């Protein structure tokens, strides 16, 4: 039996939730505003997602974190601000243009020294991290191109400590994952990920209706 969702998230309610449950500092607010002006600005995470990622990192005491898909740096900023001074985040992206914006705000926020930005294909970076043997990660956030999402997940899981968390963004894909008539490679990759993950014995998983869908996975 399927549960009934009794509170549809309208635009008005989404704004209310943002106003009453999130707290943005000045740097994060200006980063979000600059990113919104970009043609690809819709790719940035919302303040509710940022707050949740920050909370998760803090709750598990994350000291070593991984991000696959950095864009303009909002999610990395949210996570590293929740980490101790000696914490480190490895950020993977392919765009010098977008991450130049990220670096500017990381410097303003005083957290640049915590972030190891690696430009290049994320799968190559994940393989390099495995060879480097720098230790396991506590937390990983995946928010990159969607067709390789399972490969990103496998790469992150291999680098994660038992009990560590992975968060995967956009797992509802605008609601299209529930519409079999939609034929789109990104949607189909996400749908396949969602269906495989529920039976993966290596993790506990829960899918949240935060933003465009956020799936949380705990490595067993």
N, C-alpha and C. Protein backbone atom coordinates (compact mmCIF):
# COMPACT_ATOMS: atom_id res chain seq x y z
N UNK A 1 0.84 -1.19 0.00
CA UNK A 1 0.00 0.00 0.00
C UNK A 1 0.88 1.25 0.00
N UNK A 2 0.59 2.18 -0.89
CA UNK A 2 1.37 3.40 -0.99
C UNK A 2 0.83 4.45 -0.02
N UNK A 3 1.75 5.15 0.64
CA UNK A 3 1.33 6.22 1.53
C UNK A 3 0.86 7.41 0.70
N UNK A 4 0.04 8.23 1.30
CA UNK A 4 -0.51 9.39 0.62
C UNK A 4 0.20 10.63 1.13
N UNK A 5 0.76 11.39 0.21
CA UNK A 5 1.41 12.64 0.60
C UNK A 5 0.34 13.70 0.76
N UNK A 6 0.22 14.24 1.94
CA UNK A 6 -0.90 15.13 2.23
C UNK A 6 -0.54 16.61 2.15
N UNK A 7 0.73 16.93 1.98
CA UNK A 7 1.13 18.33 1.93
C UNK A 7 1.93 18.61 0.65
N UNK A 8 1.26 18.95 -0.44
CA UNK A 8 1.98 19.30 -1.67
C UNK A 8 2.89 20.51 -1.44
N UNK A 9 4.09 20.46 -1.97
CA UNK A 9 5.04 21.56 -1.79
C UNK A 9 4.85 22.56 -2.93
N UNK A 10 4.02 23.55 -2.69
CA UNK A 10 3.81 24.62 -3.65
C UNK A 10 4.98 25.60 -3.60
N UNK A 11 5.04 26.52 -4.55
CA UNK A 11 6.10 27.52 -4.54
C UNK A 11 6.02 28.38 -3.28
N UNK A 12 4.79 28.70 -2.87
CA UNK A 12 4.61 29.51 -1.68
C UNK A 12 5.10 28.77 -0.43
N UNK A 13 4.77 27.48 -0.35
CA UNK A 13 5.22 26.70 0.81
C UNK A 13 6.73 26.52 0.79
N UNK A 14 7.29 26.35 -0.41
CA UNK A 14 8.75 26.22 -0.51
C UNK A 14 9.44 27.48 0.00
N UNK A 15 8.90 28.63 -0.34
CA UNK A 15 9.47 29.89 0.15
C UNK A 15 9.32 29.99 1.67
N UNK A 16 8.17 29.55 2.18
CA UNK A 16 7.95 29.56 3.63
C UNK A 16 8.98 28.68 4.34
N UNK A 17 9.20 27.48 3.80
CA UNK A 17 10.17 26.57 4.40
C UNK A 17 11.57 27.19 4.37
N UNK A 18 11.90 27.84 3.27
CA UNK A 18 13.20 28.48 3.16
C UNK A 18 13.35 29.59 4.20
N UNK A 19 12.28 30.35 4.39
CA UNK A 19 12.33 31.47 5.33
C UNK A 19 12.41 31.02 6.79
N UNK A 20 11.81 29.87 7.08
CA UNK A 20 11.67 29.47 8.49
C UNK A 20 12.59 28.33 8.92
N UNK A 21 13.30 27.72 7.98
CA UNK A 21 14.11 26.57 8.37
C UNK A 21 15.54 26.63 7.88
N UNK A 22 15.92 27.69 7.17
CA UNK A 22 17.30 27.81 6.71
C UNK A 22 17.88 29.15 7.14
N UNK A 23 19.18 29.13 7.35
CA UNK A 23 19.88 30.33 7.78
C UNK A 23 21.12 30.49 6.92
N UNK A 24 21.16 31.53 6.11
CA UNK A 24 22.27 31.76 5.19
C UNK A 24 23.18 32.87 5.73
N UNK A 25 24.49 32.65 5.64
CA UNK A 25 25.39 33.75 5.95
C UNK A 25 25.57 34.61 4.69
N UNK A 26 26.25 35.73 4.84
CA UNK A 26 26.36 36.69 3.75
C UNK A 26 27.11 36.13 2.55
N UNK A 27 28.18 35.38 2.80
CA UNK A 27 28.96 34.82 1.70
C UNK A 27 28.13 33.85 0.90
N UNK A 28 27.44 32.95 1.59
CA UNK A 28 26.62 31.96 0.89
C UNK A 28 25.50 32.65 0.11
N UNK A 29 24.91 33.69 0.67
CA UNK A 29 23.82 34.41 0.00
C UNK A 29 24.32 35.07 -1.29
N UNK A 30 25.51 35.68 -1.22
CA UNK A 30 26.05 36.32 -2.41
C UNK A 30 26.48 35.30 -3.46
N UNK A 31 27.02 34.18 -3.02
CA UNK A 31 27.36 33.10 -3.96
C UNK A 31 26.12 32.61 -4.67
N UNK A 32 25.05 32.41 -3.94
CA UNK A 32 23.81 31.92 -4.55
C UNK A 32 23.26 32.95 -5.55
N UNK A 33 23.35 34.23 -5.21
CA UNK A 33 22.84 35.28 -6.10
C UNK A 33 23.66 35.35 -7.39
N UNK A 34 24.99 35.26 -7.28
CA UNK A 34 25.82 35.30 -8.49
C UNK A 34 25.58 34.08 -9.36
N UNK A 35 25.45 32.92 -8.73
CA UNK A 35 25.20 31.70 -9.49
C UNK A 35 23.87 31.76 -10.22
N UNK A 36 22.87 32.34 -9.60
CA UNK A 36 21.54 32.43 -10.22
C UNK A 36 21.56 33.23 -11.51
N UNK A 37 22.56 34.09 -11.69
CA UNK A 37 22.66 34.88 -12.91
C UNK A 37 23.25 34.10 -14.07
N UNK A 38 23.84 32.96 -13.81
CA UNK A 38 24.44 32.14 -14.86
C UNK A 38 23.37 31.44 -15.68
N UNK A 39 23.70 31.12 -16.93
CA UNK A 39 22.76 30.38 -17.76
C UNK A 39 22.43 29.02 -17.14
N UNK A 40 23.41 28.43 -16.49
CA UNK A 40 23.22 27.12 -15.84
C UNK A 40 22.90 27.27 -14.36
N UNK A 41 22.44 28.44 -13.95
CA UNK A 41 22.23 28.71 -12.53
C UNK A 41 21.27 27.78 -11.84
N UNK A 42 20.36 27.18 -12.60
CA UNK A 42 19.40 26.25 -12.01
C UNK A 42 20.02 24.98 -11.46
N UNK A 43 21.30 24.76 -11.75
CA UNK A 43 21.96 23.55 -11.25
C UNK A 43 22.37 23.66 -9.79
N UNK A 44 22.38 24.87 -9.23
CA UNK A 44 22.85 25.00 -7.86
C UNK A 44 21.85 24.42 -6.86
N UNK A 45 22.36 23.95 -5.75
CA UNK A 45 21.49 23.40 -4.71
C UNK A 45 20.77 24.53 -3.99
N UNK A 46 19.63 24.21 -3.41
CA UNK A 46 18.88 25.19 -2.65
C UNK A 46 19.40 25.30 -1.23
N UNK A 47 18.97 26.34 -0.52
CA UNK A 47 19.43 26.52 0.86
C UNK A 47 19.00 25.40 1.79
N UNK A 48 17.85 24.77 1.51
CA UNK A 48 17.42 23.66 2.36
C UNK A 48 18.35 22.46 2.20
N UNK A 49 18.76 22.19 0.96
CA UNK A 49 19.71 21.11 0.73
C UNK A 49 21.06 21.42 1.37
N UNK A 50 21.50 22.65 1.21
CA UNK A 50 22.79 23.04 1.79
C UNK A 50 22.77 22.86 3.30
N UNK A 51 21.69 23.28 3.92
CA UNK A 51 21.57 23.15 5.37
C UNK A 51 21.58 21.68 5.79
N UNK A 52 20.89 20.84 5.03
CA UNK A 52 20.85 19.42 5.36
C UNK A 52 22.23 18.79 5.21
N UNK A 53 22.94 19.09 4.12
CA UNK A 53 24.28 18.55 3.93
C UNK A 53 25.20 18.97 5.07
N UNK A 54 25.10 20.23 5.46
CA UNK A 54 25.91 20.73 6.56
C UNK A 54 25.61 19.98 7.85
N UNK A 55 24.34 19.78 8.13
CA UNK A 55 23.93 19.05 9.33
C UNK A 55 24.46 17.62 9.31
N UNK A 56 24.33 16.96 8.17
CA UNK A 56 24.77 15.57 8.08
C UNK A 56 26.27 15.46 8.35
N UNK A 57 27.03 16.36 7.72
CA UNK A 57 28.48 16.34 7.94
C UNK A 57 28.82 16.55 9.41
N UNK A 58 28.09 17.46 10.04
CA UNK A 58 28.36 17.75 11.45
C UNK A 58 27.92 16.59 12.35
N UNK A 59 26.78 16.00 12.05
CA UNK A 59 26.25 14.92 12.89
C UNK A 59 27.15 13.70 12.92
N UNK A 60 27.80 13.40 11.79
CA UNK A 60 28.66 12.22 11.76
C UNK A 60 30.12 12.57 12.08
N UNK A 61 30.38 13.84 12.38
CA UNK A 61 31.74 14.25 12.69
C UNK A 61 32.68 14.11 11.51
N UNK A 62 32.22 14.46 10.32
CA UNK A 62 33.02 14.27 9.11
C UNK A 62 34.29 15.10 9.15
N UNK A 63 35.41 14.46 8.85
CA UNK A 63 36.71 15.14 8.77
C UNK A 63 37.29 15.03 7.37
N UNK A 64 36.85 14.05 6.61
CA UNK A 64 37.35 13.87 5.24
C UNK A 64 36.14 13.62 4.35
N UNK A 65 35.90 14.54 3.42
CA UNK A 65 34.69 14.47 2.60
C UNK A 65 35.04 14.57 1.12
N UNK A 66 34.10 14.10 0.31
CA UNK A 66 34.30 14.01 -1.14
C UNK A 66 33.09 14.60 -1.83
N UNK A 67 33.35 15.38 -2.87
CA UNK A 67 32.26 15.95 -3.65
C UNK A 67 32.49 15.67 -5.13
N UNK A 68 31.50 15.08 -5.79
CA UNK A 68 31.57 14.79 -7.22
C UNK A 68 30.59 15.72 -7.92
N UNK A 69 31.12 16.77 -8.53
CA UNK A 69 30.30 17.81 -9.13
C UNK A 69 30.24 19.01 -8.20
N UNK A 70 31.07 20.01 -8.46
CA UNK A 70 31.21 21.14 -7.53
C UNK A 70 30.46 22.38 -8.00
N UNK A 71 30.36 22.58 -9.31
CA UNK A 71 29.70 23.74 -9.91
C UNK A 71 30.32 25.02 -9.35
N UNK A 72 29.55 25.90 -8.75
CA UNK A 72 30.11 27.15 -8.23
C UNK A 72 30.41 27.09 -6.73
N UNK A 73 30.36 25.91 -6.15
CA UNK A 73 30.92 25.72 -4.82
C UNK A 73 30.00 25.85 -3.63
N UNK A 74 28.69 25.98 -3.85
CA UNK A 74 27.79 26.18 -2.71
C UNK A 74 27.73 24.98 -1.78
N UNK A 75 27.63 23.79 -2.36
CA UNK A 75 27.54 22.60 -1.51
C UNK A 75 28.84 22.36 -0.76
N UNK A 76 29.97 22.56 -1.43
CA UNK A 76 31.26 22.41 -0.74
C UNK A 76 31.38 23.40 0.41
N UNK A 77 30.94 24.63 0.18
CA UNK A 77 31.00 25.64 1.23
C UNK A 77 30.15 25.22 2.43
N UNK A 78 28.95 24.72 2.16
CA UNK A 78 28.07 24.30 3.25
C UNK A 78 28.70 23.17 4.06
N UNK A 79 29.33 22.23 3.39
CA UNK A 79 29.90 21.07 4.08
C UNK A 79 31.15 21.46 4.87
N UNK A 80 32.08 22.20 4.25
CA UNK A 80 33.33 22.49 4.96
C UNK A 80 33.11 23.42 6.15
N UNK A 81 32.08 24.25 6.09
CA UNK A 81 31.79 25.10 7.24
C UNK A 81 31.35 24.30 8.46
N UNK A 82 30.91 23.06 8.22
CA UNK A 82 30.50 22.19 9.32
C UNK A 82 31.63 21.29 9.81
N UNK A 83 32.78 21.36 9.15
CA UNK A 83 33.90 20.48 9.47
C UNK A 83 34.92 21.18 10.37
N UNK A 84 35.71 20.40 11.11
CA UNK A 84 36.73 21.01 11.96
C UNK A 84 37.83 21.67 11.14
N UNK A 85 38.67 22.43 11.80
CA UNK A 85 39.70 23.20 11.11
C UNK A 85 40.65 22.31 10.32
N UNK A 86 40.89 21.10 10.79
CA UNK A 86 41.78 20.20 10.07
C UNK A 86 41.04 19.30 9.10
N UNK A 87 39.75 19.55 8.87
CA UNK A 87 38.98 18.77 7.92
C UNK A 87 39.40 19.08 6.49
N UNK A 88 39.18 18.12 5.60
CA UNK A 88 39.53 18.31 4.19
C UNK A 88 38.41 17.77 3.30
N UNK A 89 38.12 18.53 2.24
CA UNK A 89 37.13 18.12 1.25
C UNK A 89 37.81 18.06 -0.11
N UNK A 90 37.68 16.93 -0.79
CA UNK A 90 38.17 16.79 -2.16
C UNK A 90 37.00 17.08 -3.09
N UNK A 91 37.14 18.13 -3.91
CA UNK A 91 36.08 18.57 -4.81
C UNK A 91 36.46 18.23 -6.25
N UNK A 92 35.58 17.50 -6.94
CA UNK A 92 35.83 17.07 -8.31
C UNK A 92 34.93 17.82 -9.28
N UNK A 93 35.52 18.43 -10.29
CA UNK A 93 34.73 19.09 -11.33
C UNK A 93 35.57 19.17 -12.60
N UNK A 94 34.93 19.57 -13.71
CA UNK A 94 35.64 19.68 -14.98
C UNK A 94 35.71 21.12 -15.48
N UNK A 95 35.05 22.05 -14.80
CA UNK A 95 34.92 23.41 -15.31
C UNK A 95 35.78 24.40 -14.54
N UNK A 96 36.75 24.98 -15.23
CA UNK A 96 37.55 26.05 -14.65
C UNK A 96 36.70 27.30 -14.45
N UNK A 97 35.78 27.55 -15.39
CA UNK A 97 34.93 28.75 -15.31
C UNK A 97 34.06 28.72 -14.06
N UNK A 98 33.34 27.63 -13.85
CA UNK A 98 32.43 27.57 -12.70
C UNK A 98 33.20 27.54 -11.38
N UNK A 99 34.28 26.76 -11.34
CA UNK A 99 34.99 26.64 -10.07
C UNK A 99 35.81 27.88 -9.73
N UNK A 100 36.05 28.76 -10.71
CA UNK A 100 36.70 30.03 -10.38
C UNK A 100 35.79 30.87 -9.50
N UNK A 101 34.48 30.78 -9.73
CA UNK A 101 33.52 31.44 -8.85
C UNK A 101 33.57 30.80 -7.47
N UNK A 102 33.62 29.48 -7.44
CA UNK A 102 33.69 28.76 -6.16
C UNK A 102 34.89 29.21 -5.35
N UNK A 103 36.05 29.26 -5.99
CA UNK A 103 37.28 29.61 -5.26
C UNK A 103 37.19 31.00 -4.64
N UNK A 104 36.58 31.93 -5.38
CA UNK A 104 36.45 33.30 -4.87
C UNK A 104 35.68 33.32 -3.55
N UNK A 105 34.57 32.60 -3.50
CA UNK A 105 33.75 32.62 -2.28
C UNK A 105 34.34 31.74 -1.18
N UNK A 106 35.03 30.68 -1.55
CA UNK A 106 35.71 29.88 -0.52
C UNK A 106 36.76 30.72 0.20
N UNK A 107 37.47 31.55 -0.57
CA UNK A 107 38.48 32.43 0.03
C UNK A 107 37.81 33.44 0.95
N UNK A 108 36.71 34.05 0.47
CA UNK A 108 35.99 35.02 1.30
C UNK A 108 35.51 34.41 2.61
N UNK A 109 35.08 33.15 2.54
CA UNK A 109 34.56 32.47 3.73
C UNK A 109 35.67 31.94 4.63
N UNK A 110 36.91 32.02 4.18
CA UNK A 110 38.03 31.55 4.99
C UNK A 110 38.16 30.05 5.06
N UNK A 111 37.69 29.32 4.02
CA UNK A 111 37.73 27.86 4.06
C UNK A 111 38.53 27.27 2.89
N UNK A 112 39.17 28.12 2.09
CA UNK A 112 39.86 27.61 0.90
C UNK A 112 40.90 26.55 1.26
N UNK A 113 41.56 26.71 2.39
CA UNK A 113 42.62 25.77 2.79
C UNK A 113 42.08 24.38 3.11
N UNK A 114 40.78 24.25 3.29
CA UNK A 114 40.19 22.94 3.59
C UNK A 114 39.83 22.17 2.32
N UNK A 115 39.89 22.82 1.15
CA UNK A 115 39.34 22.23 -0.07
C UNK A 115 40.44 21.91 -1.07
N UNK A 116 40.48 20.66 -1.49
CA UNK A 116 41.41 20.17 -2.52
C UNK A 116 40.60 20.05 -3.81
N UNK A 117 40.67 21.08 -4.66
CA UNK A 117 39.91 21.10 -5.90
C UNK A 117 40.69 20.38 -6.99
N UNK A 118 40.06 19.39 -7.61
CA UNK A 118 40.70 18.61 -8.67
C UNK A 118 39.86 18.71 -9.93
N UNK A 119 40.44 19.35 -10.95
CA UNK A 119 39.76 19.51 -12.23
C UNK A 119 40.11 18.35 -13.15
N UNK A 120 39.08 17.75 -13.73
CA UNK A 120 39.26 16.62 -14.61
C UNK A 120 38.10 15.66 -14.45
N UNK A 121 38.01 14.64 -15.30
CA UNK A 121 36.92 13.67 -15.19
C UNK A 121 36.89 13.04 -13.80
N UNK A 122 35.72 13.02 -13.19
CA UNK A 122 35.61 12.55 -11.81
C UNK A 122 36.02 11.10 -11.65
N UNK A 123 35.72 10.26 -12.64
CA UNK A 123 36.09 8.86 -12.51
C UNK A 123 37.61 8.69 -12.46
N UNK A 124 38.33 9.55 -13.20
CA UNK A 124 39.79 9.52 -13.13
C UNK A 124 40.27 9.95 -11.74
N UNK A 125 39.63 10.98 -11.19
CA UNK A 125 40.01 11.45 -9.86
C UNK A 125 39.73 10.40 -8.80
N UNK A 126 38.58 9.72 -8.91
CA UNK A 126 38.25 8.67 -7.95
C UNK A 126 39.28 7.55 -8.00
N UNK A 127 39.69 7.17 -9.22
CA UNK A 127 40.71 6.13 -9.36
C UNK A 127 42.03 6.59 -8.74
N UNK A 128 42.38 7.86 -8.96
CA UNK A 128 43.62 8.39 -8.40
C UNK A 128 43.58 8.41 -6.87
N UNK A 129 42.43 8.76 -6.31
CA UNK A 129 42.29 8.78 -4.85
C UNK A 129 42.48 7.38 -4.28
N UNK A 130 41.98 6.38 -4.98
CA UNK A 130 42.17 5.01 -4.53
C UNK A 130 43.63 4.61 -4.53
N UNK A 131 44.37 5.07 -5.55
CA UNK A 131 45.80 4.74 -5.63
C UNK A 131 46.61 5.50 -4.59
N UNK A 132 46.18 6.71 -4.25
CA UNK A 132 46.94 7.54 -3.32
C UNK A 132 46.93 6.98 -1.90
N UNK A 133 45.88 6.27 -1.54
CA UNK A 133 45.82 5.67 -0.22
C UNK A 133 45.83 6.66 0.91
N UNK A 134 45.11 7.77 0.74
CA UNK A 134 45.10 8.80 1.76
C UNK A 134 44.12 8.55 2.89
N UNK A 135 43.48 7.41 2.90
CA UNK A 135 42.50 7.11 3.93
C UNK A 135 41.08 7.18 3.40
N UNK A 136 40.16 6.63 4.16
CA UNK A 136 38.77 6.57 3.73
C UNK A 136 38.04 7.87 4.05
N UNK A 137 36.97 8.11 3.30
CA UNK A 137 36.16 9.30 3.48
C UNK A 137 34.99 9.01 4.43
N UNK A 138 34.54 10.06 5.09
CA UNK A 138 33.39 9.97 5.99
C UNK A 138 32.08 10.28 5.29
N UNK A 139 32.14 11.12 4.26
CA UNK A 139 30.93 11.66 3.64
C UNK A 139 31.22 11.97 2.18
N UNK A 140 30.25 11.72 1.31
CA UNK A 140 30.39 12.04 -0.11
C UNK A 140 29.08 12.61 -0.63
N UNK A 141 29.19 13.59 -1.52
CA UNK A 141 28.02 14.19 -2.16
C UNK A 141 28.20 14.07 -3.66
N UNK A 142 27.20 13.48 -4.34
CA UNK A 142 27.26 13.27 -5.78
C UNK A 142 26.22 14.15 -6.45
N UNK A 143 26.69 15.08 -7.28
CA UNK A 143 25.80 16.01 -7.97
C UNK A 143 26.45 16.41 -9.29
N UNK A 144 26.69 15.42 -10.14
CA UNK A 144 27.38 15.66 -11.41
C UNK A 144 26.49 15.20 -12.56
N UNK A 145 27.08 14.98 -13.74
CA UNK A 145 26.29 14.50 -14.87
C UNK A 145 25.64 13.17 -14.51
N UNK A 146 24.47 12.91 -15.06
CA UNK A 146 23.61 11.85 -14.52
C UNK A 146 23.83 10.47 -15.13
N UNK A 147 24.22 10.40 -16.39
CA UNK A 147 24.35 9.08 -17.00
C UNK A 147 25.37 8.19 -16.28
N UNK A 148 26.50 8.72 -15.78
CA UNK A 148 27.45 7.86 -15.06
C UNK A 148 27.16 7.78 -13.55
N UNK A 149 25.95 8.09 -13.11
CA UNK A 149 25.71 8.20 -11.66
C UNK A 149 26.04 6.90 -10.92
N UNK A 150 25.76 5.75 -11.53
CA UNK A 150 26.08 4.50 -10.84
C UNK A 150 27.60 4.32 -10.70
N UNK A 151 28.34 4.71 -11.72
CA UNK A 151 29.80 4.61 -11.64
C UNK A 151 30.35 5.55 -10.58
N UNK A 152 29.78 6.75 -10.48
CA UNK A 152 30.20 7.68 -9.43
C UNK A 152 29.90 7.08 -8.05
N UNK A 153 28.74 6.49 -7.93
CA UNK A 153 28.35 5.86 -6.66
C UNK A 153 29.32 4.75 -6.28
N UNK A 154 29.64 3.88 -7.23
CA UNK A 154 30.56 2.78 -6.95
C UNK A 154 31.93 3.32 -6.55
N UNK A 155 32.39 4.35 -7.25
CA UNK A 155 33.68 4.93 -6.92
C UNK A 155 33.71 5.55 -5.54
N UNK A 156 32.63 6.26 -5.20
CA UNK A 156 32.55 6.89 -3.88
C UNK A 156 32.42 5.84 -2.78
N UNK A 157 31.62 4.81 -3.02
CA UNK A 157 31.42 3.77 -2.01
C UNK A 157 32.72 3.06 -1.68
N UNK A 158 33.53 2.82 -2.70
CA UNK A 158 34.81 2.14 -2.47
C UNK A 158 35.75 2.96 -1.59
N UNK A 159 35.56 4.27 -1.59
CA UNK A 159 36.43 5.16 -0.82
C UNK A 159 35.84 5.55 0.53
N UNK A 160 34.65 5.04 0.84
CA UNK A 160 33.92 5.44 2.04
C UNK A 160 34.18 4.46 3.19
N UNK A 161 34.29 4.98 4.39
CA UNK A 161 34.44 4.12 5.56
C UNK A 161 33.10 3.47 5.91
N UNK A 162 33.11 2.31 6.57
CA UNK A 162 31.86 1.75 7.08
C UNK A 162 31.18 2.75 8.02
N UNK A 163 29.88 2.93 7.84
CA UNK A 163 29.15 3.92 8.61
C UNK A 163 29.14 5.30 7.99
N UNK A 164 29.93 5.48 6.93
CA UNK A 164 29.96 6.76 6.23
C UNK A 164 28.71 6.97 5.38
N UNK A 165 28.49 8.22 4.97
CA UNK A 165 27.28 8.58 4.24
C UNK A 165 27.60 9.06 2.83
N UNK A 166 26.70 8.72 1.90
CA UNK A 166 26.70 9.27 0.55
C UNK A 166 25.36 9.95 0.34
N UNK A 167 25.38 11.16 -0.21
CA UNK A 167 24.16 11.86 -0.61
C UNK A 167 24.18 12.04 -2.12
N UNK A 168 23.11 11.65 -2.78
CA UNK A 168 23.01 11.75 -4.24
C UNK A 168 21.87 12.70 -4.59
N UNK A 169 22.17 13.72 -5.37
CA UNK A 169 21.18 14.75 -5.69
C UNK A 169 20.40 14.42 -6.97
N UNK A 170 19.26 15.08 -7.12
CA UNK A 170 18.42 15.02 -8.33
C UNK A 170 17.81 13.65 -8.58
N UNK A 171 17.53 12.90 -7.53
CA UNK A 171 17.03 11.54 -7.74
C UNK A 171 15.53 11.48 -8.02
N UNK A 172 14.87 12.62 -8.09
CA UNK A 172 13.47 12.65 -8.55
C UNK A 172 13.37 13.24 -9.95
N UNK A 173 14.39 13.96 -10.38
CA UNK A 173 14.49 14.50 -11.74
C UNK A 173 13.20 15.19 -12.19
N UNK A 174 12.78 16.14 -11.37
CA UNK A 174 11.58 16.90 -11.71
C UNK A 174 10.31 16.08 -11.72
N UNK A 175 10.31 14.93 -11.05
CA UNK A 175 9.16 14.04 -11.04
C UNK A 175 9.09 13.11 -12.23
N UNK A 176 10.01 13.25 -13.18
CA UNK A 176 9.95 12.44 -14.40
C UNK A 176 10.28 10.98 -14.17
N UNK A 177 10.97 10.67 -13.05
CA UNK A 177 11.31 9.27 -12.79
C UNK A 177 10.07 8.40 -12.65
N UNK A 178 8.94 9.00 -12.29
CA UNK A 178 7.70 8.24 -12.12
C UNK A 178 6.86 8.21 -13.39
N UNK A 179 7.37 8.79 -14.48
CA UNK A 179 6.62 8.86 -15.73
C UNK A 179 7.30 7.99 -16.78
N UNK A 180 6.77 6.79 -17.05
CA UNK A 180 7.42 5.89 -18.01
C UNK A 180 7.40 6.40 -19.44
N UNK A 181 6.58 7.40 -19.73
CA UNK A 181 6.52 7.93 -21.10
C UNK A 181 7.70 8.83 -21.42
N UNK A 182 8.43 9.29 -20.40
CA UNK A 182 9.57 10.18 -20.63
C UNK A 182 10.78 9.34 -21.05
N UNK A 183 11.31 9.65 -22.22
CA UNK A 183 12.49 8.96 -22.74
C UNK A 183 13.64 9.95 -22.78
N UNK A 184 14.47 9.87 -21.78
CA UNK A 184 15.58 10.80 -21.65
C UNK A 184 16.73 10.05 -20.98
N UNK A 185 17.94 10.11 -21.53
CA UNK A 185 19.04 9.34 -20.96
C UNK A 185 19.32 9.66 -19.49
N UNK A 186 19.24 10.93 -19.12
CA UNK A 186 19.49 11.30 -17.73
C UNK A 186 18.42 10.73 -16.81
N UNK A 187 17.16 10.90 -17.21
CA UNK A 187 16.06 10.36 -16.40
C UNK A 187 16.18 8.85 -16.27
N UNK A 188 16.50 8.18 -17.36
CA UNK A 188 16.59 6.72 -17.32
C UNK A 188 17.75 6.25 -16.44
N UNK A 189 18.86 6.99 -16.46
CA UNK A 189 20.00 6.64 -15.60
C UNK A 189 19.64 6.79 -14.13
N UNK A 190 18.93 7.86 -13.81
CA UNK A 190 18.53 8.09 -12.42
C UNK A 190 17.51 7.06 -11.97
N UNK A 191 16.55 6.76 -12.83
CA UNK A 191 15.55 5.75 -12.50
C UNK A 191 16.22 4.39 -12.25
N UNK A 192 17.17 4.04 -13.11
CA UNK A 192 17.89 2.77 -12.93
C UNK A 192 18.67 2.78 -11.61
N UNK A 193 19.28 3.90 -11.29
CA UNK A 193 20.00 4.03 -10.02
C UNK A 193 19.05 3.82 -8.84
N UNK A 194 17.91 4.51 -8.87
CA UNK A 194 16.95 4.40 -7.77
C UNK A 194 16.48 2.96 -7.57
N UNK A 195 16.25 2.26 -8.66
CA UNK A 195 15.73 0.89 -8.57
C UNK A 195 16.80 -0.10 -8.12
N UNK A 196 18.05 0.15 -8.49
CA UNK A 196 19.14 -0.74 -8.08
C UNK A 196 19.52 -0.53 -6.63
N UNK A 197 19.48 0.72 -6.20
CA UNK A 197 20.01 1.05 -4.88
C UNK A 197 19.19 0.43 -3.76
N UNK A 198 17.89 0.28 -4.00
CA UNK A 198 17.02 -0.23 -2.94
C UNK A 198 17.36 -1.68 -2.59
N UNK A 199 18.00 -2.39 -3.53
CA UNK A 199 18.37 -3.78 -3.30
C UNK A 199 19.87 -3.98 -3.08
N UNK A 200 20.60 -2.89 -2.92
CA UNK A 200 22.05 -3.01 -2.73
C UNK A 200 22.33 -3.39 -1.27
N UNK A 201 22.86 -4.59 -1.01
CA UNK A 201 23.06 -5.03 0.37
C UNK A 201 24.21 -4.33 1.08
N UNK A 202 24.95 -3.50 0.37
CA UNK A 202 26.11 -2.83 0.97
C UNK A 202 25.73 -1.56 1.72
N UNK A 203 24.47 -1.11 1.53
CA UNK A 203 24.07 0.18 2.11
C UNK A 203 22.64 0.12 2.65
N UNK A 204 22.34 1.03 3.58
CA UNK A 204 20.97 1.41 3.91
C UNK A 204 20.66 2.67 3.12
N UNK A 205 19.45 2.78 2.57
CA UNK A 205 19.14 3.92 1.72
C UNK A 205 17.78 4.51 2.08
N UNK A 206 17.68 5.83 1.93
CA UNK A 206 16.41 6.52 2.08
C UNK A 206 16.38 7.65 1.07
N UNK A 207 15.25 7.81 0.40
CA UNK A 207 15.10 8.88 -0.58
C UNK A 207 14.22 9.98 0.00
N UNK A 208 14.72 11.21 -0.02
CA UNK A 208 14.01 12.35 0.55
C UNK A 208 13.49 13.26 -0.56
N UNK A 209 12.36 13.89 -0.30
CA UNK A 209 11.80 14.85 -1.26
C UNK A 209 12.30 16.25 -0.94
N UNK A 210 13.59 16.37 -0.81
CA UNK A 210 14.24 17.66 -0.58
C UNK A 210 14.79 18.13 -1.92
N UNK A 211 14.50 19.37 -2.30
CA UNK A 211 14.96 19.86 -3.58
C UNK A 211 14.39 19.00 -4.70
N UNK A 212 15.27 18.53 -5.57
CA UNK A 212 14.87 17.68 -6.70
C UNK A 212 15.04 16.20 -6.37
N UNK A 213 14.99 15.89 -5.07
CA UNK A 213 15.19 14.52 -4.63
C UNK A 213 16.60 14.32 -4.15
N UNK A 214 16.76 13.86 -2.92
CA UNK A 214 18.07 13.62 -2.34
C UNK A 214 18.06 12.24 -1.69
N UNK A 215 18.89 11.35 -2.20
CA UNK A 215 18.98 9.99 -1.66
C UNK A 215 20.19 9.90 -0.73
N UNK A 216 19.94 9.40 0.48
CA UNK A 216 21.00 9.23 1.48
C UNK A 216 21.30 7.75 1.63
N UNK A 217 22.58 7.41 1.67
CA UNK A 217 23.01 6.02 1.76
C UNK A 217 24.07 5.89 2.84
N UNK A 218 23.90 4.92 3.72
CA UNK A 218 24.88 4.65 4.77
C UNK A 218 25.56 3.33 4.48
N UNK A 219 26.88 3.36 4.40
CA UNK A 219 27.63 2.15 4.11
C UNK A 219 27.62 1.22 5.31
N UNK A 220 27.27 -0.03 5.08
CA UNK A 220 27.21 -1.02 6.16
C UNK A 220 28.58 -1.63 6.42
